[in-house]
Structures are given as structure tokens and as C-alpha cells.
């Protein structure tokens, strides 16, 4: 059974972006149940847990992608790469 998604301009990049978000949330849920997170102070101006950094990284990634779509005509894969880099920086040093 094929889903009709013609009402929205779905692209491969958009599908990958949302699939990565769903996978990250599922992985962090399992990780949080197996090993509870502790507060940590990094680059961000407040102590955060892994889940906080994931949320902030996802929000920043969404803004990066929205800005890319709104301000450029270039392929969205660059924005996906920038989002991944942003998520890695926030997750590691945030």
C-alpha cells in the first residue's frame, strides 16, 4: 500500500531529516533508560543533560534547515550536513 503524500512537497532530504530525528529520539530513550544522564556544564550557559542537549540540537537543526530553504536555492544536503555538525558540537561540548 503506497501512501499519497502529494499534499506536501516531500523530498528525500526531508524524509531523511525526519527519520534521523525519530531515530535519535528512540536511541536517546533507550540510552536514558539504560544509563540515566547527569547534569553537565559545557559551552551552553546552563547545566544540561543528554536529553536537553538533544532537544537544543534538534531545535537548532530545524532552524538551520528552515533558514537554508528560505534563503538559498542550493541543495538541502548542505543544510543536513550543517545540522549534523551542529548536533555533534552541541552533544559533545554543549
PDB file of N, CA and C in Angstrom:
ATOM      1  N   UNK A   1       0.845  -1.180   0.000  1.00  0.00           N
ATOM      2  CA  UNK A   1       0.000   0.000   0.000  1.00  0.00           C
ATOM      3  C   UNK A   1       0.884   1.235   0.000  1.00  0.00           C
ATOM      4  N   UNK A   2       0.701   2.079  -0.964  1.00  0.00           N
ATOM      5  CA  UNK A   2       1.503   3.291  -1.096  1.00  0.00           C
ATOM      6  C   UNK A   2       0.735   4.478  -0.530  1.00  0.00           C
ATOM      7  N   UNK A   3       1.452   5.296   0.251  1.00  0.00           N
ATOM      8  CA  UNK A   3       0.825   6.479   0.834  1.00  0.00           C
ATOM      9  C   UNK A   3       0.857   7.621  -0.169  1.00  0.00           C
ATOM     10  N   UNK A   4      -0.225   8.366  -0.260  1.00  0.00           N
ATOM     11  CA  UNK A   4      -0.287   9.520  -1.149  1.00  0.00           C
ATOM     12  C   UNK A   4       0.106  10.760  -0.378  1.00  0.00           C
ATOM     13  N   UNK A   5       1.316  11.243  -0.622  1.00  0.00           N
ATOM     14  CA  UNK A   5       1.829  12.416   0.083  1.00  0.00           C
ATOM     15  C   UNK A   5       1.936  13.622  -0.844  1.00  0.00           C
ATOM     16  N   UNK A   6       1.078  13.680  -1.850  1.00  0.00           N
ATOM     17  CA  UNK A   6       1.126  14.768  -2.812  1.00  0.00           C
ATOM     18  C   UNK A   6       0.734  16.117  -2.212  1.00  0.00           C
ATOM     19  N   UNK A   7       0.040  16.116  -1.095  1.00  0.00           N
ATOM     20  CA  UNK A   7      -0.388  17.355  -0.474  1.00  0.00           C
ATOM     21  C   UNK A   7       0.790  18.137   0.102  1.00  0.00           C
ATOM     22  N   UNK A   8       1.947  17.468   0.279  1.00  0.00           N
ATOM     23  CA  UNK A   8       3.121  18.134   0.817  1.00  0.00           C
ATOM     24  C   UNK A   8       4.308  17.860  -0.098  1.00  0.00           C
ATOM     25  N   UNK A   9       5.162  18.816  -0.230  1.00  0.00           N
ATOM     26  CA  UNK A   9       6.320  18.680  -1.120  1.00  0.00           C
ATOM     27  C   UNK A   9       7.437  17.901  -0.423  1.00  0.00           C
ATOM     28  N   UNK A  10       7.237  16.595  -0.246  1.00  0.00           N
ATOM     29  CA  UNK A  10       8.235  15.750   0.389  1.00  0.00           C
ATOM     30  C   UNK A  10       9.399  15.538  -0.561  1.00  0.00           C
ATOM     31  N   UNK A  11      10.587  15.615  -0.012  1.00  0.00           N
ATOM     32  CA  UNK A  11      11.796  15.303  -0.770  1.00  0.00           C
ATOM     33  C   UNK A  11      12.554  14.231  -0.008  1.00  0.00           C
ATOM     34  N   UNK A  12      13.541  13.648  -0.637  1.00  0.00           N
ATOM     35  CA  UNK A  12      14.369  12.647   0.040  1.00  0.00           C
ATOM     36  C   UNK A  12      15.054  13.282   1.255  1.00  0.00           C
ATOM     37  N   UNK A  13      15.555  14.505   1.087  1.00  0.00           N
ATOM     38  CA  UNK A  13      16.238  15.193   2.176  1.00  0.00           C
ATOM     39  C   UNK A  13      15.324  15.382   3.387  1.00  0.00           C
ATOM     40  N   UNK A  14      14.082  15.776   3.127  1.00  0.00           N
ATOM     41  CA  UNK A  14      13.122  15.977   4.212  1.00  0.00           C
ATOM     42  C   UNK A  14      12.815  14.657   4.909  1.00  0.00           C
ATOM     43  N   UNK A  15      12.640  13.615   4.146  1.00  0.00           N
ATOM     44  CA  UNK A  15      12.386  12.294   4.723  1.00  0.00           C
ATOM     45  C   UNK A  15      13.541  11.819   5.579  1.00  0.00           C
ATOM     46  N   UNK A  16      14.764  12.007   5.091  1.00  0.00           N
ATOM     47  CA  UNK A  16      15.952  11.620   5.870  1.00  0.00           C
ATOM     48  C   UNK A  16      16.012  12.428   7.156  1.00  0.00           C
ATOM     49  N   UNK A  17      15.764  13.728   7.075  1.00  0.00           N
ATOM     50  CA  UNK A  17      15.801  14.604   8.246  1.00  0.00           C
ATOM     51  C   UNK A  17      14.838  14.105   9.328  1.00  0.00           C
ATOM     52  N   UNK A  18      13.595  13.823   8.954  1.00  0.00           N
ATOM     53  CA  UNK A  18      12.620  13.365   9.945  1.00  0.00           C
ATOM     54  C   UNK A  18      12.907  11.943  10.433  1.00  0.00           C
ATOM     55  N   UNK A  19      13.439  11.098   9.579  1.00  0.00           N
ATOM     56  CA  UNK A  19      13.813   9.745  10.007  1.00  0.00           C
ATOM     57  C   UNK A  19      14.954   9.797  11.024  1.00  0.00           C
ATOM     58  N   UNK A  20      15.902  10.681  10.805  1.00  0.00           N
ATOM     59  CA  UNK A  20      17.016  10.845  11.759  1.00  0.00           C
ATOM     60  C   UNK A  20      16.489  11.352  13.091  1.00  0.00           C
ATOM     61  N   UNK A  21      15.574  12.304  13.077  1.00  0.00           N
ATOM     62  CA  UNK A  21      15.003  12.812  14.330  1.00  0.00           C
ATOM     63  C   UNK A  21      14.312  11.686  15.097  1.00  0.00           C
ATOM     64  N   UNK A  22      13.490  10.907  14.421  1.00  0.00           N
ATOM     65  CA  UNK A  22      12.788   9.802  15.091  1.00  0.00           C
ATOM     66  C   UNK A  22      13.776   8.778  15.638  1.00  0.00           C
ATOM     67  N   UNK A  23      14.813   8.483  14.876  1.00  0.00           N
ATOM     68  CA  UNK A  23      15.831   7.519  15.329  1.00  0.00           C
ATOM     69  C   UNK A  23      16.591   8.042  16.542  1.00  0.00           C
ATOM     70  N   UNK A  24      16.937   9.321  16.533  1.00  0.00           N
ATOM     71  CA  UNK A  24      17.649   9.910  17.671  1.00  0.00           C
ATOM     72  C   UNK A  24      16.801   9.867  18.943  1.00  0.00           C
ATOM     73  N   UNK A  25      15.543  10.207  18.820  1.00  0.00           N
ATOM     74  CA  UNK A  25      14.664  10.197  19.994  1.00  0.00           C
ATOM     75  C   UNK A  25      14.549   8.777  20.545  1.00  0.00           C
ATOM     76  N   UNK A  26      14.382   7.800  19.672  1.00  0.00           N
ATOM     77  CA  UNK A  26      14.291   6.400  20.118  1.00  0.00           C
ATOM     78  C   UNK A  26      15.594   5.953  20.772  1.00  0.00           C
ATOM     79  N   UNK A  27      16.730   6.291  20.159  1.00  0.00           N
ATOM     80  CA  UNK A  27      18.029   5.891  20.708  1.00  0.00           C
ATOM     81  C   UNK A  27      18.292   6.548  22.061  1.00  0.00           C
ATOM     82  N   UNK A  28      17.964   7.833  22.188  1.00  0.00           N
ATOM     83  CA  UNK A  28      18.184   8.524  23.459  1.00  0.00           C
ATOM     84  C   UNK A  28      17.248   7.996  24.546  1.00  0.00           C
ATOM     85  N   UNK A  29      16.064   7.559  24.182  1.00  0.00           N
ATOM     86  CA  UNK A  29      15.155   6.961  25.161  1.00  0.00           C
ATOM     87  C   UNK A  29      15.750   5.676  25.716  1.00  0.00           C
ATOM     88  N   UNK A  30      16.224   4.815  24.837  1.00  0.00           N
ATOM     89  CA  UNK A  30      16.843   3.563  25.275  1.00  0.00           C
ATOM     90  C   UNK A  30      18.095   3.845  26.102  1.00  0.00           C
ATOM     91  N   UNK A  31      18.929   4.765  25.630  1.00  0.00           N
ATOM     92  CA  UNK A  31      20.160   5.125  26.340  1.00  0.00           C
ATOM     93  C   UNK A  31      19.846   5.695  27.722  1.00  0.00           C
ATOM     94  N   UNK A  32      18.820   6.540  27.814  1.00  0.00           N
ATOM     95  CA  UNK A  32      18.424   7.123  29.092  1.00  0.00           C
ATOM     96  C   UNK A  32      17.903   6.085  30.078  1.00  0.00           C
ATOM     97  N   UNK A  33      17.214   5.070  29.577  1.00  0.00           N
ATOM     98  CA  UNK A  33      16.730   4.004  30.450  1.00  0.00           C
ATOM     99  C   UNK A  33      17.876   3.115  30.917  1.00  0.00           C
ATOM    100  N   UNK A  34      18.853   2.877  30.050  1.00  0.00           N
ATOM    101  CA  UNK A  34      19.984   2.024  30.390  1.00  0.00           C
ATOM    102  C   UNK A  34      21.000   2.745  31.270  1.00  0.00           C
ATOM    103  N   UNK A  35      21.191   4.037  31.060  1.00  0.00           N
ATOM    104  CA  UNK A  35      22.194   4.812  31.781  1.00  0.00           C
ATOM    105  C   UNK A  35      21.679   6.234  31.990  1.00  0.00           C
ATOM    106  N   UNK A  36      21.048   6.501  33.143  1.00  0.00           N
ATOM    107  CA  UNK A  36      20.491   7.842  33.380  1.00  0.00           C
ATOM    108  C   UNK A  36      21.553   8.937  33.250  1.00  0.00           C
ATOM    109  N   UNK A  37      21.134  10.059  32.704  1.00  0.00           N
ATOM    110  CA  UNK A  37      22.029  11.184  32.453  1.00  0.00           C
ATOM    111  C   UNK A  37      22.211  12.027  33.711  1.00  0.00           C
ATOM    112  N   UNK A  38      23.326  12.737  33.782  1.00  0.00           N
ATOM    113  CA  UNK A  38      23.602  13.673  34.878  1.00  0.00           C
ATOM    114  C   UNK A  38      23.799  15.059  34.284  1.00  0.00           C
ATOM    115  N   UNK A  39      23.586  16.081  35.119  1.00  0.00           N
ATOM    116  CA  UNK A  39      23.785  17.453  34.663  1.00  0.00           C
ATOM    117  C   UNK A  39      25.259  17.694  34.365  1.00  0.00           C
ATOM    118  N   UNK A  40      25.517  18.475  33.303  1.00  0.00           N
ATOM    119  CA  UNK A  40      26.883  18.800  32.913  1.00  0.00           C
ATOM    120  C   UNK A  40      26.913  20.229  32.403  1.00  0.00           C
ATOM    121  N   UNK A  41      27.963  20.960  32.736  1.00  0.00           N
ATOM    122  CA  UNK A  41      28.130  22.337  32.256  1.00  0.00           C
ATOM    123  C   UNK A  41      29.179  22.333  31.161  1.00  0.00           C
ATOM    124  N   UNK A  42      28.807  22.811  29.977  1.00  0.00           N
ATOM    125  CA  UNK A  42      29.727  22.864  28.843  1.00  0.00           C
ATOM    126  C   UNK A  42      29.694  24.236  28.202  1.00  0.00           C
ATOM    127  N   UNK A  43      29.620  24.287  26.876  1.00  0.00           N
ATOM    128  CA  UNK A  43      29.563  25.552  26.143  1.00  0.00           C
ATOM    129  C   UNK A  43      28.284  26.340  26.415  1.00  0.00           C
ATOM    130  N   UNK A  44      27.222  25.640  26.667  1.00  0.00           N
ATOM    131  CA  UNK A  44      25.936  26.297  26.899  1.00  0.00           C
ATOM    132  C   UNK A  44      25.940  26.999  28.259  1.00  0.00           C
ATOM    133  N   UNK A  45      25.174  28.075  28.398  1.00  0.00           N
ATOM    134  CA  UNK A  45      25.233  28.860  29.639  1.00  0.00           C
ATOM    135  C   UNK A  45      24.481  28.247  30.824  1.00  0.00           C
ATOM    136  N   UNK A  46      24.055  27.005  30.721  1.00  0.00           N
ATOM    137  CA  UNK A  46      23.341  26.353  31.825  1.00  0.00           C
ATOM    138  C   UNK A  46      23.718  24.884  31.861  1.00  0.00           C
ATOM    139  N   UNK A  47      23.601  24.262  33.019  1.00  0.00           N
ATOM    140  CA  UNK A  47      23.851  22.813  33.087  1.00  0.00           C
ATOM    141  C   UNK A  47      22.766  22.068  32.297  1.00  0.00           C
ATOM    142  N   UNK A  48      23.184  21.055  31.560  1.00  0.00           N
ATOM    143  CA  UNK A  48      22.243  20.305  30.728  1.00  0.00           C
ATOM    144  C   UNK A  48      22.468  18.806  30.864  1.00  0.00           C
ATOM    145  N   UNK A  49      21.429  18.049  30.561  1.00  0.00           N
ATOM    146  CA  UNK A  49      21.528  16.595  30.476  1.00  0.00           C
ATOM    147  C   UNK A  49      21.646  16.217  29.003  1.00  0.00           C
ATOM    148  N   UNK A  50      21.850  14.945  28.726  1.00  0.00           N
ATOM    149  CA  UNK A  50      21.894  14.481  27.333  1.00  0.00           C
ATOM    150  C   UNK A  50      20.611  14.844  26.598  1.00  0.00           C
ATOM    151  N   UNK A  51      19.491  14.644  27.247  1.00  0.00           N
ATOM    152  CA  UNK A  51      18.203  14.950  26.616  1.00  0.00           C
ATOM    153  C   UNK A  51      18.044  16.434  26.314  1.00  0.00           C
ATOM    154  N   UNK A  52      18.511  17.289  27.227  1.00  0.00           N
ATOM    155  CA  UNK A  52      18.465  18.731  26.981  1.00  0.00           C
ATOM    156  C   UNK A  52      19.292  19.092  25.753  1.00  0.00           C
ATOM    157  N   UNK A  53      20.488  18.524  25.671  1.00  0.00           N
ATOM    158  CA  UNK A  53      21.365  18.812  24.531  1.00  0.00           C
ATOM    159  C   UNK A  53      20.771  18.269  23.234  1.00  0.00           C
ATOM    160  N   UNK A  54      20.112  17.120  23.290  1.00  0.00           N
ATOM    161  CA  UNK A  54      19.433  16.590  22.106  1.00  0.00           C
ATOM    162  C   UNK A  54      18.335  17.555  21.667  1.00  0.00           C
ATOM    163  N   UNK A  55      17.520  18.010  22.599  1.00  0.00           N
ATOM    164  CA  UNK A  55      16.434  18.935  22.276  1.00  0.00           C
ATOM    165  C   UNK A  55      16.988  20.219  21.664  1.00  0.00           C
ATOM    166  N   UNK A  56      18.001  20.807  22.295  1.00  0.00           N
ATOM    167  CA  UNK A  56      18.587  22.047  21.771  1.00  0.00           C
ATOM    168  C   UNK A  56      19.220  21.815  20.395  1.00  0.00           C
ATOM    169  N   UNK A  57      19.860  20.676  20.217  1.00  0.00           N
ATOM    170  CA  UNK A  57      20.438  20.349  18.919  1.00  0.00           C
ATOM    171  C   UNK A  57      19.382  20.182  17.841  1.00  0.00           C
ATOM    172  N   UNK A  58      18.268  19.529  18.189  1.00  0.00           N
ATOM    173  CA  UNK A  58      17.180  19.358  17.224  1.00  0.00           C
ATOM    174  C   UNK A  58      16.537  20.699  16.870  1.00  0.00           C
ATOM    175  N   UNK A  59      16.355  21.551  17.864  1.00  0.00           N
ATOM    176  CA  UNK A  59      15.776  22.873  17.591  1.00  0.00           C
ATOM    177  C   UNK A  59      16.699  23.686  16.689  1.00  0.00           C
ATOM    178  N   UNK A  60      17.983  23.672  16.998  1.00  0.00           N
ATOM    179  CA  UNK A  60      18.936  24.389  16.156  1.00  0.00           C
ATOM    180  C   UNK A  60      18.979  23.827  14.746  1.00  0.00           C
ATOM    181  N   UNK A  61      18.916  22.507  14.620  1.00  0.00           N
ATOM    182  CA  UNK A  61      18.919  21.866  13.306  1.00  0.00           C
ATOM    183  C   UNK A  61      17.680  22.256  12.501  1.00  0.00           C
ATOM    184  N   UNK A  62      16.557  22.338  13.170  1.00  0.00           N
ATOM    185  CA  UNK A  62      15.332  22.752  12.480  1.00  0.00           C
ATOM    186  C   UNK A  62      15.490  24.176  11.944  1.00  0.00           C
ATOM    187  N   UNK A  63      16.035  25.072  12.751  1.00  0.00           N
ATOM    188  CA  UNK A  63      16.237  26.459  12.317  1.00  0.00           C
ATOM    189  C   UNK A  63      17.251  26.540  11.183  1.00  0.00           C
ATOM    190  N   UNK A  64      18.317  25.739  11.251  1.00  0.00           N
ATOM    191  CA  UNK A  64      19.298  25.709  10.162  1.00  0.00           C
ATOM    192  C   UNK A  64      18.627  25.294   8.861  1.00  0.00           C
ATOM    193  N   UNK A  65      17.810  24.239   8.918  1.00  0.00           N
ATOM    194  CA  UNK A  65      17.132  23.760   7.711  1.00  0.00           C
ATOM    195  C   UNK A  65      16.101  24.760   7.195  1.00  0.00           C
ATOM    196  N   UNK A  66      15.348  25.369   8.091  1.00  0.00           N
ATOM    197  CA  UNK A  66      14.367  26.367   7.660  1.00  0.00           C
ATOM    198  C   UNK A  66      15.053  27.569   7.019  1.00  0.00           C
ATOM    199  N   UNK A  67      16.124  28.041   7.630  1.00  0.00           N
ATOM    200  CA  UNK A  67      16.859  29.171   7.071  1.00  0.00           C
ATOM    201  C   UNK A  67      17.445  28.807   5.707  1.00  0.00           C
ATOM    202  N   UNK A  68      17.966  27.597   5.585  1.00  0.00           N
ATOM    203  CA  UNK A  68      18.557  27.162   4.315  1.00  0.00           C
ATOM    204  C   UNK A  68      17.512  27.151   3.207  1.00  0.00           C
ATOM    205  N   UNK A  69      16.363  26.589   3.502  1.00  0.00           N
ATOM    206  CA  UNK A  69      15.293  26.513   2.500  1.00  0.00           C
ATOM    207  C   UNK A  69      14.803  27.914   2.136  1.00  0.00           C
ATOM    208  N   UNK A  70      14.697  28.780   3.135  1.00  0.00           N
ATOM    209  CA  UNK A  70      14.168  30.117   2.887  1.00  0.00           C
ATOM    210  C   UNK A  70      15.147  31.082   2.247  1.00  0.00           C
ATOM    211  N   UNK A  71      16.438  30.873   2.443  1.00  0.00           N
ATOM    212  CA  UNK A  71      17.418  31.856   1.993  1.00  0.00           C
ATOM    213  C   UNK A  71      18.276  31.427   0.815  1.00  0.00           C
ATOM    214  N   UNK A  72      18.252  30.147   0.452  1.00  0.00           N
ATOM    215  CA  UNK A  72      19.109  29.697  -0.642  1.00  0.00           C
ATOM    216  C   UNK A  72      18.318  28.841  -1.625  1.00  0.00           C
ATOM    217  N   UNK A  73      18.898  28.653  -2.775  1.00  0.00           N
ATOM    218  CA  UNK A  73      18.342  27.754  -3.789  1.00  0.00           C
ATOM    219  C   UNK A  73      19.181  26.484  -3.881  1.00  0.00           C
ATOM    220  N   UNK A  74      20.222  26.393  -3.070  1.00  0.00           N
ATOM    221  CA  UNK A  74      21.154  25.267  -3.134  1.00  0.00           C
ATOM    222  C   UNK A  74      20.502  23.999  -2.580  1.00  0.00           C
ATOM    223  N   UNK A  75      21.135  22.865  -2.839  1.00  0.00           N
ATOM    224  CA  UNK A  75      20.617  21.586  -2.374  1.00  0.00           C
ATOM    225  C   UNK A  75      20.545  21.550  -0.852  1.00  0.00           C
ATOM    226  N   UNK A  76      19.547  20.881  -0.355  1.00  0.00           N
ATOM    227  CA  UNK A  76      19.334  20.842   1.088  1.00  0.00           C
ATOM    228  C   UNK A  76      20.319  19.911   1.796  1.00  0.00           C
ATOM    229  N   UNK A  77      21.061  19.101   1.052  1.00  0.00           N
ATOM    230  CA  UNK A  77      22.024  18.204   1.681  1.00  0.00           C
ATOM    231  C   UNK A  77      23.079  18.983   2.452  1.00  0.00           C
ATOM    232  N   UNK A  78      23.404  20.186   2.010  1.00  0.00           N
ATOM    233  CA  UNK A  78      24.369  21.022   2.743  1.00  0.00           C
ATOM    234  C   UNK A  78      23.792  21.372   4.114  1.00  0.00           C
ATOM    235  N   UNK A  79      22.517  21.725   4.162  1.00  0.00           N
ATOM    236  CA  UNK A  79      21.870  22.052   5.431  1.00  0.00           C
ATOM    237  C   UNK A  79      21.814  20.831   6.344  1.00  0.00           C
ATOM    238  N   UNK A  80      21.576  19.655   5.772  1.00  0.00           N
ATOM    239  CA  UNK A  80      21.571  18.427   6.575  1.00  0.00           C
ATOM    240  C   UNK A  80      22.949  18.195   7.173  1.00  0.00           C
ATOM    241  N   UNK A  81      23.994  18.431   6.382  1.00  0.00           N
ATOM    242  CA  UNK A  81      25.363  18.299   6.888  1.00  0.00           C
ATOM    243  C   UNK A  81      25.670  19.307   7.985  1.00  0.00           C
ATOM    244  N   UNK A  82      25.248  20.559   7.794  1.00  0.00           N
ATOM    245  CA  UNK A  82      25.446  21.581   8.826  1.00  0.00           C
ATOM    246  C   UNK A  82      24.686  21.221  10.102  1.00  0.00           C
ATOM    247  N   UNK A  83      23.491  20.686   9.932  1.00  0.00           N
ATOM    248  CA  UNK A  83      22.696  20.266  11.092  1.00  0.00           C
ATOM    249  C   UNK A  83      23.386  19.145  11.853  1.00  0.00           C
ATOM    250  N   UNK A  84      23.940  18.196  11.118  1.00  0.00           N
ATOM    251  CA  UNK A  84      24.662  17.097  11.749  1.00  0.00           C
ATOM    252  C   UNK A  84      25.870  17.623  12.518  1.00  0.00           C
ATOM    253  N   UNK A  85      26.614  18.520  11.918  1.00  0.00           N
ATOM    254  CA  UNK A  85      27.764  19.122  12.593  1.00  0.00           C
ATOM    255  C   UNK A  85      27.321  19.875  13.849  1.00  0.00           C
ATOM    256  N   UNK A  86      26.246  20.636  13.741  1.00  0.00           N
ATOM    257  CA  UNK A  86      25.714  21.375  14.888  1.00  0.00           C
ATOM    258  C   UNK A  86      25.319  20.417  16.013  1.00  0.00           C
ATOM    259  N   UNK A  87      24.630  19.334  15.652  1.00  0.00           N
ATOM    260  CA  UNK A  87      24.218  18.342  16.651  1.00  0.00           C
ATOM    261  C   UNK A  87      25.431  17.713  17.342  1.00  0.00           C
ATOM    262  N   UNK A  88      26.465  17.404  16.579  1.00  0.00           N
ATOM    263  CA  UNK A  88      27.675  16.816  17.162  1.00  0.00           C
ATOM    264  C   UNK A  88      28.355  17.778  18.128  1.00  0.00           C
ATOM    265  N   UNK A  89      28.446  19.041  17.768  1.00  0.00           N
ATOM    266  CA  UNK A  89      29.080  20.042  18.636  1.00  0.00           C
ATOM    267  C   UNK A  89      28.273  20.227  19.925  1.00  0.00           C
ATOM    268  N   UNK A  90      26.964  20.372  19.799  1.00  0.00           N
ATOM    269  CA  UNK A  90      26.113  20.553  20.992  1.00  0.00           C
ATOM    270  C   UNK A  90      26.153  19.297  21.862  1.00  0.00           C
ATOM    271  N   UNK A  91      26.087  18.139  21.243  1.00  0.00           N
ATOM    272  CA  UNK A  91      26.102  16.892  22.016  1.00  0.00           C
ATOM    273  C   UNK A  91      27.426  16.656  22.737  1.00  0.00           C
ATOM    274  N   UNK A  92      28.512  17.010  22.107  1.00  0.00           N
ATOM    275  CA  UNK A  92      29.830  16.742  22.697  1.00  0.00           C
ATOM    276  C   UNK A  92      30.279  17.830  23.668  1.00  0.00           C
ATOM    277  N   UNK A  93      30.154  19.090  23.251  1.00  0.00           N
ATOM    278  CA  UNK A  93      30.703  20.177  24.072  1.00  0.00           C
ATOM    279  C   UNK A  93      29.638  21.098  24.659  1.00  0.00           C
ATOM    280  N   UNK A  94      28.368  20.833  24.360  1.00  0.00           N
ATOM    281  CA  UNK A  94      27.302  21.709  24.859  1.00  0.00           C
ATOM    282  C   UNK A  94      27.071  21.484  26.289  1.00  0.00           C
TER     283      UNK A  94
END
